[in-house]
PDB file of N, CA and C in Angstrom:
ATOM      1  N   UNK A   1      58.187   4.829  37.625  1.00  0.00           N
ATOM      2  CA  UNK A   1      58.809   3.789  36.807  1.00  0.00           C
ATOM      3  C   UNK A   1      58.708   4.013  35.398  1.00  0.00           C
ATOM      4  N   UNK A   2      57.706   4.830  34.984  1.00  0.00           N
ATOM      5  CA  UNK A   2      57.528   5.150  33.613  1.00  0.00           C
ATOM      6  C   UNK A   2      58.456   6.281  33.186  1.00  0.00           C
ATOM      7  N   UNK A   3      59.072   6.964  34.146  1.00  0.00           N
ATOM      8  CA  UNK A   3      59.905   8.145  33.907  1.00  0.00           C
ATOM      9  C   UNK A   3      61.351   7.845  34.023  1.00  0.00           C
ATOM     10  N   UNK A   4      61.808   6.777  34.461  1.00  0.00           N
ATOM     11  CA  UNK A   4      63.196   6.416  34.698  1.00  0.00           C
ATOM     12  C   UNK A   4      63.590   5.167  33.907  1.00  0.00           C
ATOM     13  N   UNK A   5      64.956   5.146  33.596  1.00  0.00           N
ATOM     14  CA  UNK A   5      65.501   3.944  32.887  1.00  0.00           C
ATOM     15  C   UNK A   5      65.780   2.814  33.986  1.00  0.00           C
ATOM     16  N   UNK A   6      66.057   3.253  35.183  1.00  0.00           N
ATOM     17  CA  UNK A   6      66.344   2.296  36.275  1.00  0.00           C
ATOM     18  C   UNK A   6      66.095   3.008  37.588  1.00  0.00           C
ATOM     19  N   UNK A   7      65.998   2.257  38.639  1.00  0.00           N
ATOM     20  CA  UNK A   7      65.823   2.785  39.984  1.00  0.00           C
ATOM     21  C   UNK A   7      66.819   2.105  40.913  1.00  0.00           C
ATOM     22  N   UNK A   8      67.296   2.908  41.920  1.00  0.00           N
ATOM     23  CA  UNK A   8      67.971   2.427  42.998  1.00  0.00           C
ATOM     24  C   UNK A   8      67.177   2.605  44.292  1.00  0.00           C
ATOM     25  N   UNK A   9      66.928   1.594  44.987  1.00  0.00           N
ATOM     26  CA  UNK A   9      66.011   1.562  46.136  1.00  0.00           C
ATOM     27  C   UNK A   9      66.674   0.905  47.335  1.00  0.00           C
ATOM     28  N   UNK A  10      66.449   1.562  48.503  1.00  0.00           N
ATOM     29  CA  UNK A  10      67.089   1.142  49.764  1.00  0.00           C
ATOM     30  C   UNK A  10      66.530  -0.311  50.090  1.00  0.00           C
ATOM     31  N   UNK A  11      67.463  -1.186  50.377  1.00  0.00           N
ATOM     32  CA  UNK A  11      67.088  -2.589  50.619  1.00  0.00           C
ATOM     33  C   UNK A  11      67.288  -2.990  52.070  1.00  0.00           C
ATOM     34  N   UNK A  12      67.920  -2.075  52.914  1.00  0.00           N
ATOM     35  CA  UNK A  12      68.219  -2.513  54.283  1.00  0.00           C
ATOM     36  C   UNK A  12      67.346  -1.766  55.325  1.00  0.00           C
ATOM     37  N   UNK A  13      66.167  -1.302  54.891  1.00  0.00           N
ATOM     38  CA  UNK A  13      65.183  -0.686  55.752  1.00  0.00           C
ATOM     39  C   UNK A  13      63.875  -1.490  55.557  1.00  0.00           C
ATOM     40  N   UNK A  14      63.339  -2.040  56.654  1.00  0.00           N
ATOM     41  CA  UNK A  14      62.153  -2.933  56.587  1.00  0.00           C
ATOM     42  C   UNK A  14      61.064  -2.210  57.356  1.00  0.00           C
ATOM     43  N   UNK A  15      59.864  -2.266  56.825  1.00  0.00           N
ATOM     44  CA  UNK A  15      58.684  -1.713  57.443  1.00  0.00           C
ATOM     45  C   UNK A  15      57.451  -2.573  57.072  1.00  0.00           C
ATOM     46  N   UNK A  16      56.330  -2.047  57.481  1.00  0.00           N
ATOM     47  CA  UNK A  16      55.038  -2.621  57.117  1.00  0.00           C
ATOM     48  C   UNK A  16      54.256  -1.815  56.153  1.00  0.00           C
ATOM     49  N   UNK A  17      54.351  -1.979  54.884  1.00  0.00           N
ATOM     50  CA  UNK A  17      53.503  -1.173  53.955  1.00  0.00           C
ATOM     51  C   UNK A  17      52.068  -1.251  54.224  1.00  0.00           C
ATOM     52  N   UNK A  18      51.442  -0.086  54.122  1.00  0.00           N
ATOM     53  CA  UNK A  18      49.992   0.031  54.522  1.00  0.00           C
ATOM     54  C   UNK A  18      49.311   0.947  53.573  1.00  0.00           C
ATOM     55  N   UNK A  19      48.163   0.425  53.083  1.00  0.00           N
ATOM     56  CA  UNK A  19      47.262   1.236  52.157  1.00  0.00           C
ATOM     57  C   UNK A  19      46.387   2.070  53.034  1.00  0.00           C
ATOM     58  N   UNK A  20      46.257   3.328  52.662  1.00  0.00           N
ATOM     59  CA  UNK A  20      45.478   4.271  53.463  1.00  0.00           C
ATOM     60  C   UNK A  20      43.984   3.712  53.613  1.00  0.00           C
ATOM     61  N   UNK A  21      43.493   2.988  52.611  1.00  0.00           N
ATOM     62  CA  UNK A  21      42.129   2.472  52.667  1.00  0.00           C
ATOM     63  C   UNK A  21      41.972   1.456  53.795  1.00  0.00           C
ATOM     64  N   UNK A  22      42.946   0.594  54.012  1.00  0.00           N
ATOM     65  CA  UNK A  22      42.903  -0.395  55.128  1.00  0.00           C
ATOM     66  C   UNK A  22      43.079   0.254  56.429  1.00  0.00           C
ATOM     67  N   UNK A  23      43.878   1.323  56.514  1.00  0.00           N
ATOM     68  CA  UNK A  23      44.013   2.048  57.721  1.00  0.00           C
ATOM     69  C   UNK A  23      42.690   2.786  58.068  1.00  0.00           C
ATOM     70  N   UNK A  24      42.076   3.418  57.054  1.00  0.00           N
ATOM     71  CA  UNK A  24      40.786   4.017  57.288  1.00  0.00           C
ATOM     72  C   UNK A  24      39.739   3.014  57.799  1.00  0.00           C
ATOM     73  N   UNK A  25      39.694   1.880  57.194  1.00  0.00           N
ATOM     74  CA  UNK A  25      38.769   0.807  57.656  1.00  0.00           C
ATOM     75  C   UNK A  25      38.974   0.450  59.115  1.00  0.00           C
ATOM     76  N   UNK A  26      40.268   0.324  59.470  1.00  0.00           N
ATOM     77  CA  UNK A  26      40.578   0.028  60.897  1.00  0.00           C
ATOM     78  C   UNK A  26      40.131   1.167  61.804  1.00  0.00           C
ATOM     79  N   UNK A  27      40.270   2.397  61.365  1.00  0.00           N
ATOM     80  CA  UNK A  27      39.761   3.490  62.202  1.00  0.00           C
ATOM     81  C   UNK A  27      38.335   3.451  62.396  1.00  0.00           C
ATOM     82  N   UNK A  28      37.552   3.287  61.247  1.00  0.00           N
ATOM     83  CA  UNK A  28      36.109   3.105  61.313  1.00  0.00           C
ATOM     84  C   UNK A  28      35.713   1.911  62.188  1.00  0.00           C
ATOM     85  N   UNK A  29      36.512   0.886  62.246  1.00  0.00           N
ATOM     86  CA  UNK A  29      36.087  -0.255  63.041  1.00  0.00           C
ATOM     87  C   UNK A  29      36.102   0.042  64.590  1.00  0.00           C
ATOM     88  N   UNK A  30      36.910   1.011  64.980  1.00  0.00           N
ATOM     89  CA  UNK A  30      37.022   1.286  66.389  1.00  0.00           C
ATOM     90  C   UNK A  30      36.116   2.485  66.811  1.00  0.00           C
ATOM     91  N   UNK A  31      35.518   3.182  65.921  1.00  0.00           N
ATOM     92  CA  UNK A  31      34.677   4.304  66.227  1.00  0.00           C
ATOM     93  C   UNK A  31      33.546   3.766  67.043  1.00  0.00           C
ATOM     94  N   UNK A  32      33.393   4.348  68.262  1.00  0.00           N
ATOM     95  CA  UNK A  32      32.265   3.911  69.154  1.00  0.00           C
ATOM     96  C   UNK A  32      32.618   2.735  70.107  1.00  0.00           C
ATOM     97  N   UNK A  33      33.825   2.221  69.976  1.00  0.00           N
ATOM     98  CA  UNK A  33      34.239   1.137  70.828  1.00  0.00           C
ATOM     99  C   UNK A  33      34.811   1.754  72.124  1.00  0.00           C
ATOM    100  N   UNK A  34      33.962   1.884  73.148  1.00  0.00           N
ATOM    101  CA  UNK A  34      34.413   2.553  74.382  1.00  0.00           C
ATOM    102  C   UNK A  34      35.290   1.667  75.259  1.00  0.00           C
ATOM    103  N   UNK A  35      35.349   0.350  74.990  1.00  0.00           N
ATOM    104  CA  UNK A  35      36.143  -0.483  75.770  1.00  0.00           C
ATOM    105  C   UNK A  35      37.606  -0.532  75.421  1.00  0.00           C
ATOM    106  N   UNK A  36      38.018   0.146  74.372  1.00  0.00           N
ATOM    107  CA  UNK A  36      39.449   0.144  73.981  1.00  0.00           C
ATOM    108  C   UNK A  36      40.243   1.115  74.879  1.00  0.00           C
ATOM    109  N   UNK A  37      41.389   0.713  75.288  1.00  0.00           N
ATOM    110  CA  UNK A  37      42.211   1.581  76.095  1.00  0.00           C
ATOM    111  C   UNK A  37      43.702   1.361  75.608  1.00  0.00           C
ATOM    112  N   UNK A  38      44.516   2.388  75.732  1.00  0.00           N
ATOM    113  CA  UNK A  38      45.869   2.257  75.481  1.00  0.00           C
ATOM    114  C   UNK A  38      46.238   2.702  74.105  1.00  0.00           C
ATOM    115  N   UNK A  39      47.358   2.298  73.618  1.00  0.00           N
ATOM    116  CA  UNK A  39      47.932   2.682  72.273  1.00  0.00           C
ATOM    117  C   UNK A  39      47.825   1.460  71.417  1.00  0.00           C
ATOM    118  N   UNK A  40      47.277   1.768  70.240  1.00  0.00           N
ATOM    119  CA  UNK A  40      47.154   0.666  69.196  1.00  0.00           C
ATOM    120  C   UNK A  40      47.963   1.123  67.963  1.00  0.00           C
ATOM    121  N   UNK A  41      48.580   0.101  67.369  1.00  0.00           N
ATOM    122  CA  UNK A  41      49.252   0.311  66.098  1.00  0.00           C
ATOM    123  C   UNK A  41      48.427  -0.329  64.999  1.00  0.00           C
ATOM    124  N   UNK A  42      48.630   0.137  63.782  1.00  0.00           N
ATOM    125  CA  UNK A  42      48.030  -0.514  62.607  1.00  0.00           C
ATOM    126  C   UNK A  42      48.975  -0.461  61.382  1.00  0.00           C
ATOM    127  N   UNK A  43      49.026  -1.553  60.775  1.00  0.00           N
ATOM    128  CA  UNK A  43      49.638  -1.645  59.454  1.00  0.00           C
ATOM    129  C   UNK A  43      49.032  -2.944  58.806  1.00  0.00           C
ATOM    130  N   UNK A  44      49.214  -3.038  57.475  1.00  0.00           N
ATOM    131  CA  UNK A  44      48.765  -4.264  56.863  1.00  0.00           C
ATOM    132  C   UNK A  44      49.694  -5.365  57.287  1.00  0.00           C
ATOM    133  N   UNK A  45      49.365  -6.607  57.123  1.00  0.00           N
ATOM    134  CA  UNK A  45      50.126  -7.708  57.463  1.00  0.00           C
ATOM    135  C   UNK A  45      51.397  -7.866  56.595  1.00  0.00           C
ATOM    136  N   UNK A  46      52.361  -8.494  57.200  1.00  0.00           N
ATOM    137  CA  UNK A  46      53.616  -8.730  56.448  1.00  0.00           C
ATOM    138  C   UNK A  46      54.581  -7.573  56.530  1.00  0.00           C
ATOM    139  N   UNK A  47      55.780  -7.805  56.117  1.00  0.00           N
ATOM    140  CA  UNK A  47      56.883  -6.791  56.124  1.00  0.00           C
ATOM    141  C   UNK A  47      57.595  -6.825  54.841  1.00  0.00           C
ATOM    142  N   UNK A  48      58.219  -5.730  54.541  1.00  0.00           N
ATOM    143  CA  UNK A  48      59.037  -5.651  53.280  1.00  0.00           C
ATOM    144  C   UNK A  48      60.044  -4.524  53.359  1.00  0.00           C
ATOM    145  N   UNK A  49      61.121  -4.643  52.650  1.00  0.00           N
ATOM    146  CA  UNK A  49      62.079  -3.557  52.561  1.00  0.00           C
ATOM    147  C   UNK A  49      61.532  -2.600  51.486  1.00  0.00           C
ATOM    148  N   UNK A  50      62.085  -1.429  51.418  1.00  0.00           N
ATOM    149  CA  UNK A  50      61.717  -0.522  50.353  1.00  0.00           C
ATOM    150  C   UNK A  50      61.939  -1.171  49.003  1.00  0.00           C
ATOM    151  N   UNK A  51      63.062  -1.931  48.873  1.00  0.00           N
ATOM    152  CA  UNK A  51      63.368  -2.607  47.636  1.00  0.00           C
ATOM    153  C   UNK A  51      62.354  -3.603  47.269  1.00  0.00           C
ATOM    154  N   UNK A  52      62.017  -4.474  48.298  1.00  0.00           N
ATOM    155  CA  UNK A  52      60.897  -5.436  48.041  1.00  0.00           C
ATOM    156  C   UNK A  52      59.648  -4.768  47.587  1.00  0.00           C
ATOM    157  N   UNK A  53      59.297  -3.673  48.228  1.00  0.00           N
ATOM    158  CA  UNK A  53      58.064  -2.944  47.880  1.00  0.00           C
ATOM    159  C   UNK A  53      58.133  -2.376  46.423  1.00  0.00           C
ATOM    160  N   UNK A  54      59.252  -1.825  46.066  1.00  0.00           N
ATOM    161  CA  UNK A  54      59.388  -1.335  44.666  1.00  0.00           C
ATOM    162  C   UNK A  54      59.249  -2.519  43.672  1.00  0.00           C
ATOM    163  N   UNK A  55      59.843  -3.634  44.023  1.00  0.00           N
ATOM    164  CA  UNK A  55      59.775  -4.779  43.067  1.00  0.00           C
ATOM    165  C   UNK A  55      58.277  -5.237  42.951  1.00  0.00           C
ATOM    166  N   UNK A  56      57.588  -5.267  44.092  1.00  0.00           N
ATOM    167  CA  UNK A  56      56.131  -5.674  44.071  1.00  0.00           C
ATOM    168  C   UNK A  56      55.316  -4.760  43.303  1.00  0.00           C
ATOM    169  N   UNK A  57      55.559  -3.344  43.505  1.00  0.00           N
ATOM    170  CA  UNK A  57      54.857  -2.347  42.762  1.00  0.00           C
ATOM    171  C   UNK A  57      54.994  -2.557  41.247  1.00  0.00           C
ATOM    172  N   UNK A  58      56.287  -2.801  40.826  1.00  0.00           N
ATOM    173  CA  UNK A  58      56.413  -2.938  39.384  1.00  0.00           C
ATOM    174  C   UNK A  58      55.758  -4.255  38.868  1.00  0.00           C
ATOM    175  N   UNK A  59      55.878  -5.378  39.635  1.00  0.00           N
ATOM    176  CA  UNK A  59      55.343  -6.556  39.186  1.00  0.00           C
ATOM    177  C   UNK A  59      53.733  -6.441  39.071  1.00  0.00           C
ATOM    178  N   UNK A  60      53.153  -5.889  40.090  1.00  0.00           N
ATOM    179  CA  UNK A  60      51.684  -5.753  40.045  1.00  0.00           C
ATOM    180  C   UNK A  60      51.218  -4.658  39.014  1.00  0.00           C
ATOM    181  N   UNK A  61      51.963  -3.623  38.893  1.00  0.00           N
ATOM    182  CA  UNK A  61      51.584  -2.663  37.898  1.00  0.00           C
ATOM    183  C   UNK A  61      51.729  -3.194  36.448  1.00  0.00           C
ATOM    184  N   UNK A  62      52.731  -3.996  36.251  1.00  0.00           N
ATOM    185  CA  UNK A  62      52.968  -4.659  34.886  1.00  0.00           C
ATOM    186  C   UNK A  62      51.791  -5.665  34.646  1.00  0.00           C
ATOM    187  N   UNK A  63      51.362  -6.401  35.707  1.00  0.00           N
ATOM    188  CA  UNK A  63      50.353  -7.399  35.452  1.00  0.00           C
ATOM    189  C   UNK A  63      49.008  -6.780  35.182  1.00  0.00           C
ATOM    190  N   UNK A  64      48.774  -5.551  35.732  1.00  0.00           N
ATOM    191  CA  UNK A  64      47.563  -4.761  35.485  1.00  0.00           C
ATOM    192  C   UNK A  64      47.503  -3.890  34.244  1.00  0.00           C
ATOM    193  N   UNK A  65      48.727  -3.766  33.634  1.00  0.00           N
ATOM    194  CA  UNK A  65      48.826  -2.911  32.458  1.00  0.00           C
ATOM    195  C   UNK A  65      49.067  -1.425  32.778  1.00  0.00           C
ATOM    196  N   UNK A  66      49.306  -1.158  34.061  1.00  0.00           N
ATOM    197  CA  UNK A  66      49.580   0.249  34.443  1.00  0.00           C
ATOM    198  C   UNK A  66      50.880   0.666  33.899  1.00  0.00           C
ATOM    199  N   UNK A  67      51.895  -0.229  34.017  1.00  0.00           N
ATOM    200  CA  UNK A  67      53.203  -0.001  33.447  1.00  0.00           C
ATOM    201  C   UNK A  67      53.286  -0.845  32.156  1.00  0.00           C
ATOM    202  N   UNK A  68      53.973  -0.256  31.190  1.00  0.00           N
ATOM    203  CA  UNK A  68      54.194  -0.951  29.945  1.00  0.00           C
ATOM    204  C   UNK A  68      55.440  -1.878  29.948  1.00  0.00           C
ATOM    205  N   UNK A  69      56.506  -1.392  30.607  1.00  0.00           N
ATOM    206  CA  UNK A  69      57.817  -2.088  30.574  1.00  0.00           C
ATOM    207  C   UNK A  69      58.443  -2.102  31.964  1.00  0.00           C
ATOM    208  N   UNK A  70      59.095  -3.161  32.165  1.00  0.00           N
ATOM    209  CA  UNK A  70      59.903  -3.339  33.385  1.00  0.00           C
ATOM    210  C   UNK A  70      61.197  -2.563  33.282  1.00  0.00           C
ATOM    211  N   UNK A  71      61.650  -1.982  34.395  1.00  0.00           N
ATOM    212  CA  UNK A  71      62.931  -1.377  34.390  1.00  0.00           C
ATOM    213  C   UNK A  71      63.806  -2.038  35.476  1.00  0.00           C
ATOM    214  N   UNK A  72      65.140  -2.011  35.331  1.00  0.00           N
ATOM    215  CA  UNK A  72      65.937  -2.563  36.436  1.00  0.00           C
ATOM    216  C   UNK A  72      65.747  -1.813  37.754  1.00  0.00           C
ATOM    217  N   UNK A  73      65.560  -2.533  38.808  1.00  0.00           N
ATOM    218  CA  UNK A  73      65.526  -1.952  40.151  1.00  0.00           C
ATOM    219  C   UNK A  73      66.716  -2.552  40.994  1.00  0.00           C
ATOM    220  N   UNK A  74      67.600  -1.690  41.398  1.00  0.00           N
ATOM    221  CA  UNK A  74      68.774  -2.142  42.046  1.00  0.00           C
ATOM    222  C   UNK A  74      68.697  -1.870  43.589  1.00  0.00           C
ATOM    223  N   UNK A  75      69.006  -2.862  44.362  1.00  0.00           N
ATOM    224  CA  UNK A  75      69.044  -2.665  45.803  1.00  0.00           C
ATOM    225  C   UNK A  75      70.286  -1.910  46.221  1.00  0.00           C
ATOM    226  N   UNK A  76      70.113  -0.986  47.136  1.00  0.00           N
ATOM    227  CA  UNK A  76      71.204  -0.178  47.678  1.00  0.00           C
ATOM    228  C   UNK A  76      71.125  -0.130  49.191  1.00  0.00           C
ATOM    229  N   UNK A  77      72.220   0.254  49.846  1.00  0.00           N
ATOM    230  CA  UNK A  77      72.237   0.456  51.287  1.00  0.00           C
ATOM    231  C   UNK A  77      71.774   1.851  51.669  1.00  0.00           C
ATOM    232  N   UNK A  78      71.342   2.031  52.824  1.00  0.00           N
ATOM    233  CA  UNK A  78      70.811   3.328  53.319  1.00  0.00           C
ATOM    234  C   UNK A  78      71.922   4.380  53.153  1.00  0.00           C
ATOM    235  N   UNK A  79      73.139   4.090  53.397  1.00  0.00           N
ATOM    236  CA  UNK A  79      74.188   5.038  53.270  1.00  0.00           C
ATOM    237  C   UNK A  79      74.515   5.444  51.851  1.00  0.00           C
ATOM    238  N   UNK A  80      73.885   4.781  50.952  1.00  0.00           N
ATOM    239  CA  UNK A  80      74.077   5.137  49.514  1.00  0.00           C
ATOM    240  C   UNK A  80      72.962   6.044  49.017  1.00  0.00           C
ATOM    241  N   UNK A  81      71.972   6.330  49.958  1.00  0.00           N
ATOM    242  CA  UNK A  81      70.854   7.154  49.574  1.00  0.00           C
ATOM    243  C   UNK A  81      70.830   8.191  50.664  1.00  0.00           C
ATOM    244  N   UNK A  82      71.535   9.311  50.523  1.00  0.00           N
ATOM    245  CA  UNK A  82      71.579  10.357  51.504  1.00  0.00           C
ATOM    246  C   UNK A  82      70.217  11.039  51.647  1.00  0.00           C
ATOM    247  N   UNK A  83      69.855  11.261  52.916  1.00  0.00           N
ATOM    248  CA  UNK A  83      68.670  11.938  53.256  1.00  0.00           C
ATOM    249  C   UNK A  83      68.771  12.690  54.533  1.00  0.00           C
ATOM    250  N   UNK A  84      68.037  13.737  54.733  1.00  0.00           N
ATOM    251  CA  UNK A  84      68.175  14.525  55.939  1.00  0.00           C
ATOM    252  C   UNK A  84      67.522  13.786  57.196  1.00  0.00           C
ATOM    253  N   UNK A  85      66.554  12.906  56.812  1.00  0.00           N
ATOM    254  CA  UNK A  85      65.880  12.128  57.869  1.00  0.00           C
ATOM    255  C   UNK A  85      66.539  10.860  58.169  1.00  0.00           C
ATOM    256  N   UNK A  86      66.824  10.569  59.417  1.00  0.00           N
ATOM    257  CA  UNK A  86      67.383   9.269  59.813  1.00  0.00           C
ATOM    258  C   UNK A  86      66.251   8.295  59.986  1.00  0.00           C
ATOM    259  N   UNK A  87      66.331   7.114  59.434  1.00  0.00           N
ATOM    260  CA  UNK A  87      65.258   6.175  59.570  1.00  0.00           C
ATOM    261  C   UNK A  87      65.799   4.885  60.164  1.00  0.00           C
ATOM    262  N   UNK A  88      65.033   4.199  60.980  1.00  0.00           N
ATOM    263  CA  UNK A  88      65.478   2.967  61.553  1.00  0.00           C
ATOM    264  C   UNK A  88      65.548   1.872  60.430  1.00  0.00           C
ATOM    265  N   UNK A  89      66.444   0.908  60.711  1.00  0.00           N
ATOM    266  CA  UNK A  89      66.489  -0.212  59.706  1.00  0.00           C
ATOM    267  C   UNK A  89      65.343  -1.191  59.853  1.00  0.00           C
ATOM    268  N   UNK A  90      64.682  -1.241  61.002  1.00  0.00           N
ATOM    269  CA  UNK A  90      63.530  -2.117  61.176  1.00  0.00           C
ATOM    270  C   UNK A  90      62.421  -1.380  61.915  1.00  0.00           C
ATOM    271  N   UNK A  91      61.435  -0.991  61.270  1.00  0.00           N
ATOM    272  CA  UNK A  91      60.322  -0.210  61.850  1.00  0.00           C
ATOM    273  C   UNK A  91      58.954  -0.913  61.632  1.00  0.00           C
ATOM    274  N   UNK A  92      58.762  -2.089  62.279  1.00  0.00           N
ATOM    275  CA  UNK A  92      57.579  -2.899  62.087  1.00  0.00           C
ATOM    276  C   UNK A  92      56.839  -2.911  63.447  1.00  0.00           C
ATOM    277  N   UNK A  93      55.582  -2.622  63.290  1.00  0.00           N
ATOM    278  CA  UNK A  93      54.697  -2.670  64.445  1.00  0.00           C
ATOM    279  C   UNK A  93      54.271  -4.042  64.861  1.00  0.00           C
ATOM    280  N   UNK A  94      54.003  -4.232  66.151  1.00  0.00           N
ATOM    281  CA  UNK A  94      53.355  -5.457  66.592  1.00  0.00           C
ATOM    282  C   UNK A  94      51.881  -5.097  66.589  1.00  0.00           C
ATOM    283  N   UNK A  95      51.175  -5.642  65.574  1.00  0.00           N
ATOM    284  CA  UNK A  95      49.739  -5.264  65.420  1.00  0.00           C
ATOM    285  C   UNK A  95      48.780  -6.350  65.966  1.00  0.00           C
ATOM    286  N   UNK A  96      49.278  -7.404  66.592  1.00  0.00           N
ATOM    287  CA  UNK A  96      48.363  -8.510  66.983  1.00  0.00           C
ATOM    288  C   UNK A  96      47.308  -7.976  67.907  1.00  0.00           C
ATOM    289  N   UNK A  97      47.537  -7.099  68.790  1.00  0.00           N
ATOM    290  CA  UNK A  97      46.522  -6.557  69.761  1.00  0.00           C
ATOM    291  C   UNK A  97      45.504  -5.810  68.936  1.00  0.00           C
ATOM    292  N   UNK A  98      45.909  -5.062  68.043  1.00  0.00           N
ATOM    293  CA  UNK A  98      44.959  -4.207  67.184  1.00  0.00           C
ATOM    294  C   UNK A  98      44.065  -5.157  66.372  1.00  0.00           C
ATOM    295  N   UNK A  99      44.725  -6.086  65.746  1.00  0.00           N
ATOM    296  CA  UNK A  99      43.918  -7.080  64.881  1.00  0.00           C
ATOM    297  C   UNK A  99      42.883  -7.769  65.724  1.00  0.00           C
ATOM    298  N   UNK A 100      43.293  -8.194  66.909  1.00  0.00           N
ATOM    299  CA  UNK A 100      42.370  -8.875  67.826  1.00  0.00           C
ATOM    300  C   UNK A 100      41.237  -7.954  68.388  1.00  0.00           C
ATOM    301  N   UNK A 101      41.635  -6.857  68.942  1.00  0.00           N
ATOM    302  CA  UNK A 101      40.710  -5.950  69.561  1.00  0.00           C
ATOM    303  C   UNK A 101      39.802  -5.212  68.603  1.00  0.00           C
ATOM    304  N   UNK A 102      40.237  -4.984  67.367  1.00  0.00           N
ATOM    305  CA  UNK A 102      39.426  -4.371  66.330  1.00  0.00           C
ATOM    306  C   UNK A 102      38.549  -5.434  65.615  1.00  0.00           C
ATOM    307  N   UNK A 103      38.827  -6.706  65.889  1.00  0.00           N
ATOM    308  CA  UNK A 103      38.234  -7.819  65.188  1.00  0.00           C
ATOM    309  C   UNK A 103      38.326  -7.683  63.682  1.00  0.00           C
ATOM    310  N   UNK A 104      39.494  -7.418  63.222  1.00  0.00           N
ATOM    311  CA  UNK A 104      39.718  -7.374  61.777  1.00  0.00           C
ATOM    312  C   UNK A 104      40.878  -8.318  61.427  1.00  0.00           C
ATOM    313  N   UNK A 105      40.634  -9.043  60.362  1.00  0.00           N
ATOM    314  CA  UNK A 105      41.605  -9.925  59.733  1.00  0.00           C
ATOM    315  C   UNK A 105      42.362  -9.009  58.727  1.00  0.00           C
ATOM    316  N   UNK A 106      43.644  -8.653  58.940  1.00  0.00           N
ATOM    317  CA  UNK A 106      44.291  -7.741  58.105  1.00  0.00           C
ATOM    318  C   UNK A 106      44.642  -8.322  56.692  1.00  0.00           C
ATOM    319  N   UNK A 107      44.667  -7.547  55.744  1.00  0.00           N
ATOM    320  CA  UNK A 107      45.157  -7.899  54.420  1.00  0.00           C
ATOM    321  C   UNK A 107      46.707  -7.909  54.450  1.00  0.00           C
ATOM    322  N   UNK A 108      47.284  -8.843  53.729  1.00  0.00           N
ATOM    323  CA  UNK A 108      48.717  -8.795  53.557  1.00  0.00           C
ATOM    324  C   UNK A 108      49.014  -7.546  52.715  1.00  0.00           C
ATOM    325  N   UNK A 109      50.121  -6.884  52.907  1.00  0.00           N
ATOM    326  CA  UNK A 109      50.409  -5.661  52.242  1.00  0.00           C
ATOM    327  C   UNK A 109      50.434  -5.877  50.667  1.00  0.00           C
ATOM    328  N   UNK A 110      50.786  -7.072  50.207  1.00  0.00           N
ATOM    329  CA  UNK A 110      50.840  -7.348  48.743  1.00  0.00           C
ATOM    330  C   UNK A 110      49.418  -7.437  48.210  1.00  0.00           C
ATOM    331  N   UNK A 111      48.513  -8.019  48.877  1.00  0.00           N
ATOM    332  CA  UNK A 111      47.086  -7.997  48.511  1.00  0.00           C
ATOM    333  C   UNK A 111      46.544  -6.633  48.493  1.00  0.00           C
ATOM    334  N   UNK A 112      46.865  -5.849  49.492  1.00  0.00           N
ATOM    335  CA  UNK A 112      46.364  -4.508  49.564  1.00  0.00           C
ATOM    336  C   UNK A 112      46.940  -3.647  48.490  1.00  0.00           C
ATOM    337  N   UNK A 113      48.196  -3.857  48.138  1.00  0.00           N
ATOM    338  CA  UNK A 113      48.800  -3.196  46.979  1.00  0.00           C
ATOM    339  C   UNK A 113      48.142  -3.520  45.664  1.00  0.00           C
ATOM    340  N   UNK A 114      47.804  -4.813  45.485  1.00  0.00           N
ATOM    341  CA  UNK A 114      47.076  -5.243  44.304  1.00  0.00           C
ATOM    342  C   UNK A 114      45.717  -4.587  44.189  1.00  0.00           C
ATOM    343  N   UNK A 115      44.996  -4.534  45.303  1.00  0.00           N
ATOM    344  CA  UNK A 115      43.705  -3.900  45.298  1.00  0.00           C
ATOM    345  C   UNK A 115      43.798  -2.398  45.011  1.00  0.00           C
ATOM    346  N   UNK A 116      44.729  -1.725  45.598  1.00  0.00           N
ATOM    347  CA  UNK A 116      44.959  -0.340  45.425  1.00  0.00           C
ATOM    348  C   UNK A 116      45.263  -0.010  43.987  1.00  0.00           C
ATOM    349  N   UNK A 117      46.166  -0.743  43.326  1.00  0.00           N
ATOM    350  CA  UNK A 117      46.552  -0.496  41.946  1.00  0.00           C
ATOM    351  C   UNK A 117      45.399  -0.785  40.978  1.00  0.00           C
ATOM    352  N   UNK A 118      44.663  -1.909  41.315  1.00  0.00           N
ATOM    353  CA  UNK A 118      43.453  -2.242  40.529  1.00  0.00           C
ATOM    354  C   UNK A 118      42.373  -1.088  40.543  1.00  0.00           C
ATOM    355  N   UNK A 119      42.371  -0.297  41.635  1.00  0.00           N
ATOM    356  CA  UNK A 119      41.380   0.733  41.736  1.00  0.00           C
ATOM    357  C   UNK A 119      41.671   1.948  40.851  1.00  0.00           C
ATOM    358  N   UNK A 120      42.854   1.949  40.229  1.00  0.00           N
ATOM    359  CA  UNK A 120      43.204   3.071  39.332  1.00  0.00           C
ATOM    360  C   UNK A 120      42.371   2.952  38.033  1.00  0.00           C
TER     361      UNK A 120
END
């Protein structure tokens, strides 16, 4: 965002933003738990489009002084951002089993983003 006058970001793809640190904590929480069986998913709590995520990054980075100035961020459709990889419009995990079985109260992705940016 420091290098561009404006951004165009896909607004019709929704996922669960996840900080690598919270994912690592979840992995460490299950090490040695022999009673877990099956497939578990993990992401931070909440959902966001790529556009929502970009807006949040800018807002948090501005509040922490990481960015000096806001730039316009424009929402676009997936078909306006050509890519070789096809992505689903909604790719959100059901993490309730993981949260319960790992005994972890997940951070909301926005709180995790704030913590991650503050660590810079």
